[in-house]
Structure formats: structure tokens, C-alpha cells
Amino acid sequence: MGDVPYSQSGVGALEDMIGEMNAQPLAFVAHVGDITSGTGPCGDDWLRARKAQFGGIRAPFVLLPGDNEWTDCRRTGYDPLERLATWRQLFCVPVPALALERQPGPYCENVRWVYDNVVFAGLNVPGGNNNLAADPLEHGERMRAVLAWLDEAAALSRTRDGLVILMHANPFVAPRLGGADGYDAIRERLRRLGAARPGRVLLVHGDTHYFRHDEPLPGLRRVEVFGWPQIRWVRARIEPGATPFRVEPVPP
């Protein structure tokens, strides 16, 4: 799931969705980011309330940052890096049931775990053109860490059945006319991975709030999860075969 909740009204709908998920035997739940709207709330109280709400999920839970909870908070007077630091304090927590690994150093939001012989890698690649225009220095330093972490995950996956990459941004959104593309580097990595292991690399993202299940690059499978105002989730399973990922949207 991703891009939820965006407002207080979405909190109740998310609670109902958590109840639906809790009724099923899920191995884990992943949220790809955006736990508030592009204009907030961005404050600590909202983030702590979301942490408490996600604590009601019975399955092991992994959360990634989107743009709305840090980069976009500059719109309402917050310092994005301070917001990301607060996010890390609240959400960079152990997930023992998954033997979750976090990237050493400052980028603890980049995560990795293995389930059913598949490597899962979560990355801090947010929407909003990946913060490139607003803070190119931050973008460059973070993306060096992101790409190194992804390369490690890809190497680990070579002897396993596949690789799932999770992040917030839709990297296939074109930049504004004349603007630099904040997703060039990650898209190139995705192109290489899809070509090297067709059907065995799955990208899961949010950001543009439209369910997609397609192949945007040769060999790369892609799922975009639902987003506000559609409070829905996507269920996936791993099966033997050349294309091991089976994905289905859960009916509303």
C-alpha cells in the first residue's frame, strides 16, 4: 500500500483497511510512503499517530518515506531534512520477524530482507522528482547510498529466485519541461536488472495514485499501488516458475 492517509478522514478508512489485512494470513505488509498529503500535516503529532496506527497491523510491517512527509513539508514552513531526521527516529526500528537489515550510516530507511528465497530491497526514492531541483546536494548524496544498497541487493538476489524493489516514486514520470530528471540513475539500474533477469525483477511503487501492473522496461515487472482517494491495497504471492510474482488488487 501507499499514499495513505492524506487527511483525518483517510485515517478511518485506513483503519478499516488494516482490519481487512489483519483478517488474512499475510507474511508481511509494506507501505511505500506518503503518510500525509502534499500540504501536511507534517508535525510530530501526526507522525506519532501514524506510528501508533501502523502498530495495529498484525503482520510484520515495513514503512518507506515518500515526499509528502519530508521534501514537501517545506511548503508549510518545515525543514525537509529535519522532518526526515524525525521520520528516522520514529520509523527506523527493528523488524525481527523479517530479519530486516538497514543500511549502515545515515540512510537507515533503506532496508533489505529475504522471504521465500526472494530478496526485497526498500529505497528512499521519493516523488517530486526525487528532490533534485530543490536540493541537488542532498539528492546526490542520498542517491549514491541508494544505488550502492540496490547493487548489494541485486548481487544477493543472483543466487535466489528474484528481486523486489520498493520505493515511493514513480520513476517513469517525465520532469517538467527543461528540468533535470531526478530518476535517470535509478531508471538505468532498473533497465539493467530487467534485462539481466527478465520476469524475476519486480518494482513496487506509489506516487501517482493509479494502479498499474505492467512492464515499463523490457524484463522489468512493475506494480503501482493505489493511493488517495482510493484506500485499497494490493496482495502478492511468490510461486515457482520463470515469473514468480503473482499480484492482485484487493476488491474495495
Protein backbone atom coordinates (compact mmCIF):
# COMPACT_ATOMS: atom_id res chain seq x y z
CA MET A 1 0.00 0.00 0.00
CA GLY A 2 0.99 3.62 -0.26
CA ASP A 3 -0.09 7.27 -0.40
CA VAL A 4 -2.42 6.92 2.57
CA PRO A 5 -3.69 8.54 4.77
CA TYR A 6 -3.80 12.05 3.38
CA SER A 7 -6.16 13.58 5.94
CA GLN A 8 -8.08 12.84 9.10
CA SER A 9 -10.93 11.41 7.02
CA GLY A 10 -8.47 8.97 5.47
CA VAL A 11 -7.37 7.78 8.89
CA GLY A 12 -10.66 5.97 9.47
CA ALA A 13 -10.58 4.41 6.00
CA LEU A 14 -7.02 3.23 6.65
CA GLU A 15 -8.17 1.70 9.94
CA ASP A 16 -10.81 -0.29 8.06
CA MET A 17 -8.20 -1.44 5.55
CA ILE A 18 -5.89 -2.55 8.36
CA GLY A 19 -8.78 -4.63 9.69
CA GLU A 20 -9.12 -6.29 6.28
CA MET A 21 -5.42 -7.09 6.18
CA ASN A 22 -5.42 -8.41 9.73
CA ALA A 23 -8.11 -10.91 8.73
CA GLN A 24 -5.71 -12.58 6.28
CA PRO A 25 -2.56 -14.66 6.88
CA LEU A 26 -0.03 -12.19 5.45
CA ALA A 27 3.72 -12.77 5.61
CA PHE A 28 4.32 -9.01 5.93
CA VAL A 29 2.89 -5.62 4.94
CA ALA A 30 4.83 -2.86 3.15
CA HIS A 31 3.86 0.81 2.80
CA VAL A 32 5.84 2.58 0.07
CA GLY A 33 5.44 6.07 1.53
CA ASP A 34 3.35 9.25 1.75
CA ILE A 35 1.55 9.05 5.08
CA THR A 36 0.27 12.61 4.79
CA SER A 37 -0.74 14.96 1.98
CA GLY A 38 1.48 17.30 -0.02
CA THR A 39 0.48 20.11 2.33
CA GLY A 40 0.68 18.11 5.53
CA PRO A 41 0.03 17.64 8.37
CA CYS A 42 3.81 17.41 8.77
CA GLY A 43 4.15 17.75 12.53
CA ASP A 44 5.36 15.27 15.10
CA ASP A 45 1.87 14.57 16.44
CA TRP A 46 0.69 13.34 13.03
CA LEU A 47 3.74 11.12 12.56
CA ARG A 48 3.41 9.63 16.05
CA ALA A 49 -0.29 8.96 15.45
CA ARG A 50 0.53 7.13 12.23
CA LYS A 51 3.16 5.06 14.02
CA ALA A 52 0.58 4.06 16.60
CA GLN A 53 -1.94 3.24 13.87
CA PHE A 54 0.51 1.11 11.92
CA GLY A 55 1.27 -0.65 15.19
CA GLY A 56 -2.17 -2.24 14.84
CA ILE A 57 -1.02 -4.25 11.81
CA ARG A 58 -0.55 -7.84 12.95
CA ALA A 59 1.88 -8.89 10.23
CA PRO A 60 5.48 -7.61 10.24
CA PHE A 61 5.37 -4.07 8.85
CA VAL A 62 7.85 -2.08 6.74
CA LEU A 63 7.44 1.63 6.02
CA LEU A 64 9.38 3.70 3.48
CA PRO A 65 9.43 7.52 3.25
CA GLY A 66 7.60 9.37 0.50
CA ASP A 67 7.98 13.00 -0.50
CA ASN A 68 4.97 14.31 1.44
CA GLU A 69 6.41 13.60 4.87
CA TRP A 70 9.73 15.35 4.28
CA THR A 71 10.60 17.09 0.99
CA ASP A 72 7.12 18.60 0.51
CA CYS A 73 6.97 19.81 4.10
CA ARG A 74 8.94 22.89 3.01
CA ARG A 75 5.61 24.13 1.61
CA THR A 76 4.31 24.59 5.15
CA GLY A 77 7.47 26.04 6.65
CA TYR A 78 9.31 22.92 7.80
CA ASP A 79 12.92 21.99 7.12
CA PRO A 80 12.79 18.82 4.98
CA LEU A 81 16.00 17.36 6.42
CA GLU A 82 14.74 17.90 9.96
CA ARG A 83 11.50 16.13 9.02
CA LEU A 84 13.43 13.21 7.54
CA ALA A 85 15.54 13.01 10.70
CA THR A 86 12.36 12.84 12.78
CA TRP A 87 10.94 10.18 10.46
CA ARG A 88 14.10 8.12 11.03
CA GLN A 89 13.84 8.45 14.79
CA LEU A 90 10.27 7.17 14.70
CA PHE A 91 10.36 4.55 11.98
CA CYS A 92 13.92 3.19 11.68
CA VAL A 93 13.04 0.38 14.06
CA PRO A 94 13.88 -3.34 14.06
CA VAL A 95 11.53 -5.81 12.40
CA PRO A 96 12.80 -9.06 13.96
CA ALA A 97 10.26 -11.32 12.26
CA LEU A 98 11.74 -10.41 8.86
CA ALA A 99 15.39 -10.27 9.99
CA LEU A 100 15.25 -6.82 8.42
CA GLU A 101 18.61 -5.19 7.60
CA ARG A 102 19.02 -1.42 7.49
CA GLN A 103 21.74 0.33 5.52
CA PRO A 104 24.57 1.31 7.86
CA GLY A 105 25.17 5.02 8.29
CA PRO A 106 22.69 7.86 7.99
CA TYR A 107 20.31 6.23 5.49
CA CYS A 108 18.61 3.77 7.83
CA GLU A 109 15.39 3.99 5.81
CA ASN A 110 16.99 1.85 3.08
CA VAL A 111 16.14 -1.71 4.05
CA ARG A 112 16.57 -5.31 2.93
CA TRP A 113 15.11 -8.67 3.83
CA VAL A 114 14.69 -12.13 2.30
CA TYR A 115 11.42 -14.02 2.12
CA ASP A 116 10.71 -17.29 0.31
CA ASN A 117 14.08 -17.14 -1.47
CA VAL A 118 13.38 -13.64 -2.88
CA VAL A 119 15.36 -10.52 -1.90
CA PHE A 120 13.31 -7.42 -1.02
CA ALA A 121 15.00 -4.00 -1.10
CA GLY A 122 13.31 -0.82 0.12
CA LEU A 123 14.78 2.51 -1.03
CA ASN A 124 14.36 6.18 -0.19
CA VAL A 125 13.46 7.44 -3.67
CA PRO A 126 10.58 9.90 -3.19
CA GLY A 127 8.19 11.51 -5.64
CA GLY A 128 8.55 15.16 -6.58
CA ASN A 129 11.44 14.46 -8.99
CA ASN A 130 13.47 12.90 -6.17
CA ASN A 131 14.24 16.28 -4.51
CA LEU A 132 16.70 17.11 -7.30
CA ALA A 133 15.61 20.66 -8.12
CA ALA A 134 15.12 21.76 -4.52
CA ASP A 135 18.32 20.28 -3.07
CA PRO A 136 20.74 18.77 -5.60
CA LEU A 137 23.40 18.16 -2.94
CA GLU A 138 21.01 16.12 -0.79
CA HIS A 139 19.78 14.29 -3.89
CA GLY A 140 23.29 13.33 -4.99
CA GLU A 141 24.47 12.08 -1.61
CA ARG A 142 21.31 10.08 -0.96
CA MET A 143 21.26 8.53 -4.41
CA ARG A 144 24.83 7.32 -4.07
CA ALA A 145 23.73 5.45 -0.95
CA VAL A 146 20.54 4.21 -2.63
CA LEU A 147 22.34 2.84 -5.68
CA ALA A 148 25.01 1.15 -3.57
CA TRP A 149 22.31 -0.52 -1.47
CA LEU A 150 20.41 -1.61 -4.56
CA ASP A 151 23.57 -3.03 -6.12
CA GLU A 152 24.17 -5.09 -2.97
CA ALA A 153 20.61 -6.40 -3.04
CA ALA A 154 20.89 -7.26 -6.73
CA ALA A 155 24.11 -9.19 -6.08
CA LEU A 156 22.46 -11.13 -3.25
CA SER A 157 19.48 -11.96 -5.46
CA ARG A 158 21.54 -13.58 -8.23
CA THR A 159 21.52 -16.94 -6.45
CA ARG A 160 17.87 -16.60 -5.42
CA ASP A 161 14.54 -16.68 -7.20
CA GLY A 162 14.08 -12.95 -7.69
CA LEU A 163 14.36 -9.35 -6.54
CA VAL A 164 11.59 -6.99 -5.40
CA ILE A 165 12.43 -3.27 -5.27
CA LEU A 166 10.15 -1.00 -3.26
CA MET A 167 10.20 2.80 -3.29
CA HIS A 168 7.77 5.68 -3.29
CA ALA A 169 8.42 7.44 -6.61
CA ASN A 170 7.05 6.58 -9.99
CA PRO A 171 10.38 6.82 -11.85
CA PHE A 172 8.66 6.95 -15.23
CA VAL A 173 7.15 10.40 -14.66
CA ALA A 174 8.77 12.90 -17.01
CA PRO A 175 10.35 16.01 -15.43
CA ARG A 176 8.95 19.42 -16.11
CA LEU A 177 9.89 20.90 -19.46
CA GLY A 178 13.56 21.83 -19.41
CA GLY A 179 14.14 20.36 -15.94
CA ALA A 180 16.71 17.77 -14.94
CA ASP A 181 15.42 14.22 -14.44
CA GLY A 182 15.78 13.05 -10.85
CA TYR A 183 15.20 9.43 -11.82
CA ASP A 184 17.78 8.92 -14.56
CA ALA A 185 20.16 6.87 -12.44
CA ILE A 186 17.59 4.62 -10.78
CA ARG A 187 15.82 4.04 -14.10
CA GLU A 188 19.10 2.93 -15.67
CA ARG A 189 19.66 0.44 -12.84
CA LEU A 190 16.13 -0.88 -13.33
CA ARG A 191 16.74 -1.25 -17.06
CA ARG A 192 19.88 -3.31 -16.45
CA LEU A 193 18.24 -5.51 -13.84
CA GLY A 194 15.21 -6.23 -16.01
CA ALA A 195 17.41 -7.12 -18.96
CA ALA A 196 19.62 -9.40 -16.85
CA ARG A 197 16.78 -11.34 -15.19
CA PRO A 198 13.59 -10.85 -17.20
CA GLY A 199 10.46 -11.59 -15.22
CA ARG A 200 12.35 -12.02 -11.95
CA VAL A 201 12.66 -8.34 -11.01
CA LEU A 202 9.58 -6.58 -9.66
CA LEU A 203 9.35 -2.83 -8.93
CA VAL A 204 6.66 -1.76 -6.45
CA HIS A 205 5.98 1.98 -6.09
CA GLY A 206 3.29 4.56 -5.38
CA ASP A 207 3.29 8.32 -6.04
CA THR A 208 0.85 8.78 -8.94
CA HIS A 209 -2.15 7.10 -7.29
CA TYR A 210 -3.10 4.81 -10.16
CA PHE A 211 -2.99 1.02 -10.01
CA ARG A 212 -0.66 -0.37 -12.66
CA HIS A 213 0.60 -3.87 -13.32
CA ASP A 214 2.75 -3.83 -16.43
CA GLU A 215 6.26 -3.98 -17.92
CA PRO A 216 7.57 -0.41 -18.37
CA LEU A 217 11.05 -1.64 -19.33
CA PRO A 218 11.97 -4.92 -21.03
CA GLY A 219 12.05 -7.69 -18.43
CA LEU A 220 11.03 -5.39 -15.54
CA ARG A 221 7.66 -6.02 -13.96
CA ARG A 222 6.04 -3.06 -12.22
CA VAL A 223 3.18 -2.66 -9.76
CA GLU A 224 1.96 0.77 -8.72
CA VAL A 225 -0.21 0.57 -5.63
CA PHE A 226 -3.43 2.50 -5.12
CA GLY A 227 -3.31 5.94 -3.48
CA TRP A 228 -5.64 8.53 -2.03
CA PRO A 229 -8.60 8.80 -2.54
CA GLN A 230 -8.67 5.06 -3.27
CA ILE A 231 -7.96 3.36 0.05
CA ARG A 232 -7.11 -0.08 -1.30
CA TRP A 233 -4.22 -2.49 -1.09
CA VAL A 234 -2.53 -4.99 -3.35
CA ARG A 235 -1.83 -8.60 -2.42
CA ALA A 236 1.07 -10.52 -3.91
CA ARG A 237 2.42 -14.04 -3.66
CA ILE A 238 5.51 -15.90 -4.80
CA GLU A 239 5.11 -19.03 -6.91
CA PRO A 240 7.59 -21.36 -8.63
CA GLY A 241 8.32 -20.56 -12.25
CA ALA A 242 10.10 -18.20 -14.60
CA THR A 243 7.90 -15.28 -13.49
CA PRO A 244 7.43 -15.95 -9.77
CA PHE A 245 5.32 -12.92 -8.79
CA ARG A 246 1.51 -13.06 -8.72
CA VAL A 247 -0.23 -9.76 -7.98
CA GLU A 248 -3.90 -8.92 -7.44
CA PRO A 249 -5.66 -5.78 -6.21
CA VAL A 250 -7.91 -6.50 -3.25
CA PRO A 251 -11.54 -5.54 -4.01
CA PRO A 252 -12.82 -2.46 -2.15
